[in-house]
């Protein structure tokens, strides 16, 4: 059975003047998916989030939400979305109940259903005991929960969260992550973050954007495997020069790590046999050859790189 596609991004680009911030980005998000959206600062994450939520129009391409075109029918498309920006849009002078009632009305929840929608959102976000308290008197963790509650009060198909755990203490982070995992059972969730451990903890899929281009989308369990097969780590007692190693057919690049070498190669050009033959012929003293499993951080650095990203236009 084919999974239901809730977000479809097709060939989206965005320029500010003559500066291209996003370039031909395409991806989809299916029902029940928790997608971690990763990239260095300035890579295009925030611009993508703004386009997905309809607060910024693309220069080219299209976005559909549950099959509804964001540009052609923005009101209908946005009704399917819940959004938590990095700074939650809270009114600190209202009680939690007052604020959530207000958000429900903004989201066109019928008057007869506002109370039920508010109570359901509070229950899901662990806010049942603080409904009559002023938002300004609550902790940062509770305020973040309120921000999530306003994003789901109308029961949207897709929830978009921008850096949802910034500024929280470890206990609050654990609680918010558990909440996001729970949201993934009933909604599709897009999580923009630069915290790699967060992606590993709560996401089912991850995609990485670099210099305005999407460089990878994969299942979280597939991600390390994606690059594991393209690396060899070898130990040599009498190593040759890096130039000699690089000249072996199939080798794309080499990197020395103390007394070992990390060999990069294309997935369709495994140089293992050639390395063994050259090591024996050259008396390099080959004593170890392994395929290391990379951490998510190593995968991120491999794909995102250290290049200076395209500067992202401020909101």
Protein backbone atom coordinates (compact mmCIF):
# COMPACT_ATOMS: atom_id res chain seq x y z
CA UNK A 1 0.00 0.00 0.00
CA UNK A 2 1.43 3.38 -1.07
CA UNK A 3 1.95 5.91 1.71
CA UNK A 4 -0.07 9.13 1.46
CA UNK A 5 2.09 12.09 0.36
CA UNK A 6 1.22 15.15 2.46
CA UNK A 7 3.95 17.58 1.38
CA UNK A 8 5.29 17.76 -2.17
CA UNK A 9 8.08 20.21 -3.01
CA UNK A 10 8.81 20.30 -6.73
CA UNK A 11 11.76 22.21 -8.20
CA UNK A 12 11.66 25.05 -5.67
CA UNK A 13 14.19 27.85 -6.05
CA UNK A 14 14.39 31.21 -4.31
CA UNK A 15 16.51 34.26 -5.02
CA UNK A 16 16.91 37.55 -3.21
CA UNK A 17 18.03 39.98 -5.88
CA UNK A 18 20.86 38.24 -7.72
CA UNK A 19 21.60 35.92 -4.77
CA UNK A 20 20.22 32.41 -5.21
CA UNK A 21 19.45 30.94 -1.77
CA UNK A 22 17.61 27.76 -2.84
CA UNK A 23 18.28 25.91 -6.05
CA UNK A 24 15.87 23.35 -7.57
CA UNK A 25 14.92 21.66 -4.28
CA UNK A 26 12.51 18.71 -4.55
CA UNK A 27 11.31 16.30 -1.87
CA UNK A 28 8.17 14.79 -0.42
CA UNK A 29 6.92 13.93 3.07
CA UNK A 30 4.49 11.06 3.63
CA UNK A 31 1.95 10.52 6.37
CA UNK A 32 3.52 9.38 9.63
CA UNK A 33 7.03 10.53 8.70
CA UNK A 34 9.19 12.58 11.08
CA UNK A 35 11.66 14.35 8.81
CA UNK A 36 14.79 15.97 10.21
CA UNK A 37 15.87 18.91 8.05
CA UNK A 38 19.59 19.51 8.51
CA UNK A 39 22.10 21.98 7.19
CA UNK A 40 24.81 24.43 8.25
CA UNK A 41 23.77 27.93 9.27
CA UNK A 42 22.86 29.83 6.11
CA UNK A 43 22.38 26.70 3.99
CA UNK A 44 18.72 27.50 3.22
CA UNK A 45 16.78 25.76 6.02
CA UNK A 46 14.83 28.79 7.24
CA UNK A 47 14.03 29.91 3.70
CA UNK A 48 12.68 26.43 2.98
CA UNK A 49 10.55 26.50 6.15
CA UNK A 50 9.13 29.89 5.17
CA UNK A 51 8.22 28.62 1.70
CA UNK A 52 6.63 25.46 3.12
CA UNK A 53 4.46 27.49 5.48
CA UNK A 54 3.43 29.98 2.80
CA UNK A 55 5.05 33.03 4.38
CA UNK A 56 7.46 33.35 1.45
CA UNK A 57 6.78 32.62 -2.20
CA UNK A 58 9.30 30.62 -4.23
CA UNK A 59 10.95 32.24 -7.24
CA UNK A 60 10.30 29.00 -9.14
CA UNK A 61 8.70 25.64 -8.46
CA UNK A 62 5.65 24.69 -6.44
CA UNK A 63 4.61 23.36 -3.04
CA UNK A 64 1.49 21.30 -2.43
CA UNK A 65 0.04 20.33 0.95
CA UNK A 66 -2.31 17.32 0.83
CA UNK A 67 -2.56 17.94 -2.91
CA UNK A 68 -3.48 21.64 -2.49
CA UNK A 69 -1.22 24.14 -4.29
CA UNK A 70 0.21 26.67 -1.80
CA UNK A 71 0.24 29.56 -4.30
CA UNK A 72 -3.12 28.87 -5.94
CA UNK A 73 -5.10 28.10 -2.76
CA UNK A 74 -3.02 29.42 0.16
CA UNK A 75 -5.84 29.51 2.72
CA UNK A 76 -6.83 25.89 2.11
CA UNK A 77 -3.21 24.73 2.04
CA UNK A 78 -2.24 26.55 5.25
CA UNK A 79 -5.26 25.06 7.02
CA UNK A 80 -3.49 21.68 6.76
CA UNK A 81 -0.34 23.00 8.48
CA UNK A 82 0.71 23.68 12.04
CA UNK A 83 3.84 25.77 12.56
CA UNK A 84 6.11 26.48 15.51
CA UNK A 85 8.77 29.07 14.66
CA UNK A 86 12.03 29.15 16.59
CA UNK A 87 10.55 31.82 18.87
CA UNK A 88 7.04 30.68 19.87
CA UNK A 89 4.37 33.33 19.06
CA UNK A 90 3.05 33.60 22.63
CA UNK A 91 1.12 36.35 24.45
CA UNK A 92 2.65 36.32 27.91
CA UNK A 93 -0.24 38.34 29.40
CA UNK A 94 -2.86 35.67 28.63
CA UNK A 95 -3.54 32.45 30.48
CA UNK A 96 -2.82 29.22 28.65
CA UNK A 97 -6.54 28.58 28.11
CA UNK A 98 -7.17 32.12 26.85
CA UNK A 99 -4.28 31.92 24.41
CA UNK A 100 -5.22 28.51 23.04
CA UNK A 101 -8.86 29.56 22.62
CA UNK A 102 -7.62 32.57 20.66
CA UNK A 103 -5.42 30.33 18.45
CA UNK A 104 -8.32 27.95 17.84
CA UNK A 105 -10.47 30.82 16.61
CA UNK A 106 -7.63 32.08 14.38
CA UNK A 107 -7.49 28.58 12.91
CA UNK A 108 -11.24 28.70 12.22
CA UNK A 109 -12.13 25.94 14.64
CA UNK A 110 -15.95 26.11 14.96
CA UNK A 111 -17.07 27.91 18.14
CA UNK A 112 -18.81 24.82 19.50
CA UNK A 113 -15.54 22.84 19.13
CA UNK A 114 -13.04 25.35 20.57
CA UNK A 115 -13.13 24.04 24.12
CA UNK A 116 -12.72 20.41 23.03
CA UNK A 117 -9.85 21.33 20.68
CA UNK A 118 -8.11 23.27 23.46
CA UNK A 119 -8.44 20.46 25.99
CA UNK A 120 -7.20 17.88 23.52
CA UNK A 121 -4.14 19.99 22.64
CA UNK A 122 -3.40 20.57 26.33
CA UNK A 123 -3.67 16.86 27.09
CA UNK A 124 -1.31 15.92 24.26
CA UNK A 125 1.23 18.56 25.31
CA UNK A 126 1.12 17.94 29.06
CA UNK A 127 -0.55 21.26 29.89
CA UNK A 128 -3.55 19.98 31.79
CA UNK A 129 -2.55 21.52 35.13
CA UNK A 130 -1.56 24.99 33.90
CA UNK A 131 -4.61 26.13 31.91
CA UNK A 132 -5.41 29.05 34.22
CA UNK A 133 -1.85 30.23 34.71
CA UNK A 134 -0.34 33.23 32.93
CA UNK A 135 2.01 32.19 30.14
CA UNK A 136 4.60 34.74 31.29
CA UNK A 137 4.89 32.97 34.66
CA UNK A 138 5.65 29.55 33.18
CA UNK A 139 9.03 27.99 32.49
CA UNK A 140 10.67 27.94 29.07
CA UNK A 141 9.80 24.25 28.74
CA UNK A 142 6.11 24.88 29.36
CA UNK A 143 6.15 27.83 26.96
CA UNK A 144 7.59 25.58 24.28
CA UNK A 145 4.82 23.06 24.94
CA UNK A 146 2.27 25.86 24.53
CA UNK A 147 3.91 26.75 21.21
CA UNK A 148 3.46 23.18 20.04
CA UNK A 149 -0.12 23.12 21.34
CA UNK A 150 -1.04 26.14 19.22
CA UNK A 151 0.49 24.41 16.20
CA UNK A 152 -1.69 21.31 16.58
CA UNK A 153 -4.91 22.78 18.01
CA UNK A 154 -6.70 22.50 14.66
CA UNK A 155 -5.42 18.92 14.14
CA UNK A 156 -3.37 19.65 11.00
CA UNK A 157 -2.00 16.96 8.72
CA UNK A 158 1.54 18.39 8.84
CA UNK A 159 3.38 19.97 11.78
CA UNK A 160 6.51 22.07 11.07
CA UNK A 161 8.86 22.78 13.98
CA UNK A 162 11.81 25.17 13.70
CA UNK A 163 14.51 24.48 16.33
CA UNK A 164 11.95 23.30 18.95
CA UNK A 165 14.43 22.58 21.78
CA UNK A 166 16.62 25.70 21.63
CA UNK A 167 17.19 27.14 25.11
CA UNK A 168 15.75 24.20 27.02
CA UNK A 169 17.43 22.30 29.84
CA UNK A 170 18.18 18.55 29.44
CA UNK A 171 14.98 17.44 31.21
CA UNK A 172 12.83 19.78 29.10
CA UNK A 173 14.60 18.60 25.92
CA UNK A 174 13.81 14.98 26.78
CA UNK A 175 10.15 15.84 27.35
CA UNK A 176 9.80 17.82 24.11
CA UNK A 177 11.48 15.05 22.11
CA UNK A 178 9.04 12.51 23.54
CA UNK A 179 6.18 14.82 22.58
CA UNK A 180 7.47 15.16 19.00
CA UNK A 181 7.76 11.38 18.67
CA UNK A 182 4.14 11.13 19.81
CA UNK A 183 3.09 13.74 17.23
CA UNK A 184 4.69 11.59 14.55
CA UNK A 185 2.11 8.88 15.23
CA UNK A 186 -0.79 11.08 14.11
CA UNK A 187 0.79 13.76 11.92
CA UNK A 188 3.67 14.20 9.51
CA UNK A 189 6.38 16.26 11.21
CA UNK A 190 9.15 18.36 9.67
CA UNK A 191 11.83 19.27 12.19
CA UNK A 192 14.40 21.90 11.26
CA UNK A 193 17.44 21.68 13.49
CA UNK A 194 21.23 21.79 13.61
CA UNK A 195 21.39 19.38 16.59
CA UNK A 196 22.43 16.01 15.17
CA UNK A 197 21.61 14.06 18.32
CA UNK A 198 18.06 15.39 18.10
CA UNK A 199 17.63 13.92 14.64
CA UNK A 200 18.97 10.55 15.77
CA UNK A 201 16.65 10.57 18.78
CA UNK A 202 13.32 11.37 17.14
CA UNK A 203 13.40 11.33 13.32
CA UNK A 204 12.49 8.54 10.93
CA UNK A 205 14.07 10.29 7.94
CA UNK A 206 16.68 12.98 7.45
CA UNK A 207 17.60 15.29 4.65
CA UNK A 208 20.60 17.57 4.35
CA UNK A 209 20.75 20.86 2.50
CA UNK A 210 24.06 22.43 1.49
CA UNK A 211 24.54 25.81 -0.16
CA UNK A 212 20.87 25.91 -1.14
CA UNK A 213 20.81 22.42 -2.65
CA UNK A 214 19.38 19.19 -1.27
CA UNK A 215 22.27 16.71 -1.08
CA UNK A 216 20.59 13.72 0.59
CA UNK A 217 17.30 12.34 1.86
CA UNK A 218 17.33 8.92 3.50
CA UNK A 219 15.84 6.87 6.29
CA UNK A 220 17.66 7.45 9.56
CA UNK A 221 18.79 3.81 9.62
CA UNK A 222 19.96 3.99 6.02
CA UNK A 223 22.01 7.14 6.45
CA UNK A 224 25.19 5.67 7.88
CA UNK A 225 24.93 2.74 5.50
CA UNK A 226 24.76 5.23 2.64
CA UNK A 227 28.36 6.22 3.26
CA UNK A 228 29.70 3.11 5.00
CA UNK A 229 30.07 1.37 1.67
CA UNK A 230 32.09 4.25 0.22
CA UNK A 231 34.95 4.20 2.74
CA UNK A 232 37.78 1.91 3.70
CA UNK A 233 40.12 2.36 6.62
CA UNK A 234 43.50 0.68 6.14
CA UNK A 235 46.55 0.28 8.36
CA UNK A 236 49.98 0.19 6.69
CA UNK A 237 53.38 -0.30 8.35
CA UNK A 238 55.23 1.14 5.34
CA UNK A 239 52.69 3.37 3.59
CA UNK A 240 53.26 4.90 0.17
CA UNK A 241 52.60 8.54 -0.59
CA UNK A 242 49.06 9.87 -0.76
CA UNK A 243 49.60 10.40 -4.49
CA UNK A 244 50.34 6.68 -4.99
CA UNK A 245 47.23 5.68 -3.06
CA UNK A 246 45.08 8.12 -4.99
CA UNK A 247 46.31 6.66 -8.30
CA UNK A 248 44.83 3.22 -7.55
CA UNK A 249 41.79 2.59 -9.80
CA UNK A 250 38.53 3.31 -7.97
CA UNK A 251 40.04 5.55 -5.28
CA UNK A 252 38.42 9.00 -5.20
CA UNK A 253 40.42 10.45 -2.31
CA UNK A 254 42.59 9.63 0.68
CA UNK A 255 42.98 11.10 4.14
CA UNK A 256 45.67 10.17 6.65
CA UNK A 257 44.57 9.57 10.26
CA UNK A 258 47.69 8.96 12.38
CA UNK A 259 49.02 5.54 11.22
CA UNK A 260 45.89 4.73 9.21
CA UNK A 261 44.42 5.94 5.95
CA UNK A 262 40.77 6.62 5.11
CA UNK A 263 40.10 5.72 1.51
CA UNK A 264 37.09 7.27 -0.27
CA UNK A 265 35.62 5.64 -3.36
CA UNK A 266 32.52 5.67 -5.55
CA UNK A 267 29.86 3.14 -4.58
CA UNK A 268 30.21 1.37 -7.95
CA UNK A 269 34.03 1.21 -7.90
CA UNK A 270 35.18 -0.75 -4.83
CA UNK A 271 39.02 -0.67 -4.83
CA UNK A 272 39.47 -3.35 -2.13
CA UNK A 273 41.08 -5.98 -4.37
CA UNK A 274 43.30 -3.42 -6.08
CA UNK A 275 44.48 -2.06 -2.73
CA UNK A 276 45.42 -5.54 -1.51
CA UNK A 277 47.37 -6.27 -4.71
CA UNK A 278 49.24 -2.97 -4.61
CA UNK A 279 50.00 -3.37 -0.90
CA UNK A 280 51.48 -6.84 -1.51
CA UNK A 281 53.47 -5.76 -4.58
CA UNK A 282 54.79 -2.65 -2.89
CA UNK A 283 55.53 -4.30 0.47
CA UNK A 284 53.43 -1.68 2.29
CA UNK A 285 52.89 -3.90 5.32
CA UNK A 286 49.07 -4.01 5.19
CA UNK A 287 47.89 -5.13 8.64
CA UNK A 288 44.28 -3.94 8.79
CA UNK A 289 41.40 -3.14 6.45
CA UNK A 290 37.92 -2.24 7.72
CA UNK A 291 34.78 -0.46 6.57
CA UNK A 292 34.02 2.03 9.34
CA UNK A 293 30.43 2.86 10.25
CA UNK A 294 30.18 6.63 10.34
CA UNK A 295 28.31 8.56 12.99
CA UNK A 296 25.56 10.96 11.91
CA UNK A 297 27.96 13.82 12.65
CA UNK A 298 30.55 12.36 10.28
CA UNK A 299 27.91 11.80 7.60
CA UNK A 300 26.72 15.38 8.02
CA UNK A 301 30.25 16.77 7.69
CA UNK A 302 30.88 14.55 4.68
CA UNK A 303 27.78 15.78 2.87
CA UNK A 304 27.44 19.34 4.16
CA UNK A 305 31.15 20.08 4.04
CA UNK A 306 32.93 23.06 5.50
CA UNK A 307 32.42 25.43 2.56
CA UNK A 308 31.04 28.85 3.35
CA UNK A 309 27.30 28.57 2.59
CA UNK A 310 25.20 30.91 0.56
CA UNK A 311 24.15 33.68 2.95
CA UNK A 312 20.47 33.39 3.77
CA UNK A 313 18.31 36.49 3.57
CA UNK A 314 17.07 37.56 7.01
CA UNK A 315 13.37 37.29 7.68
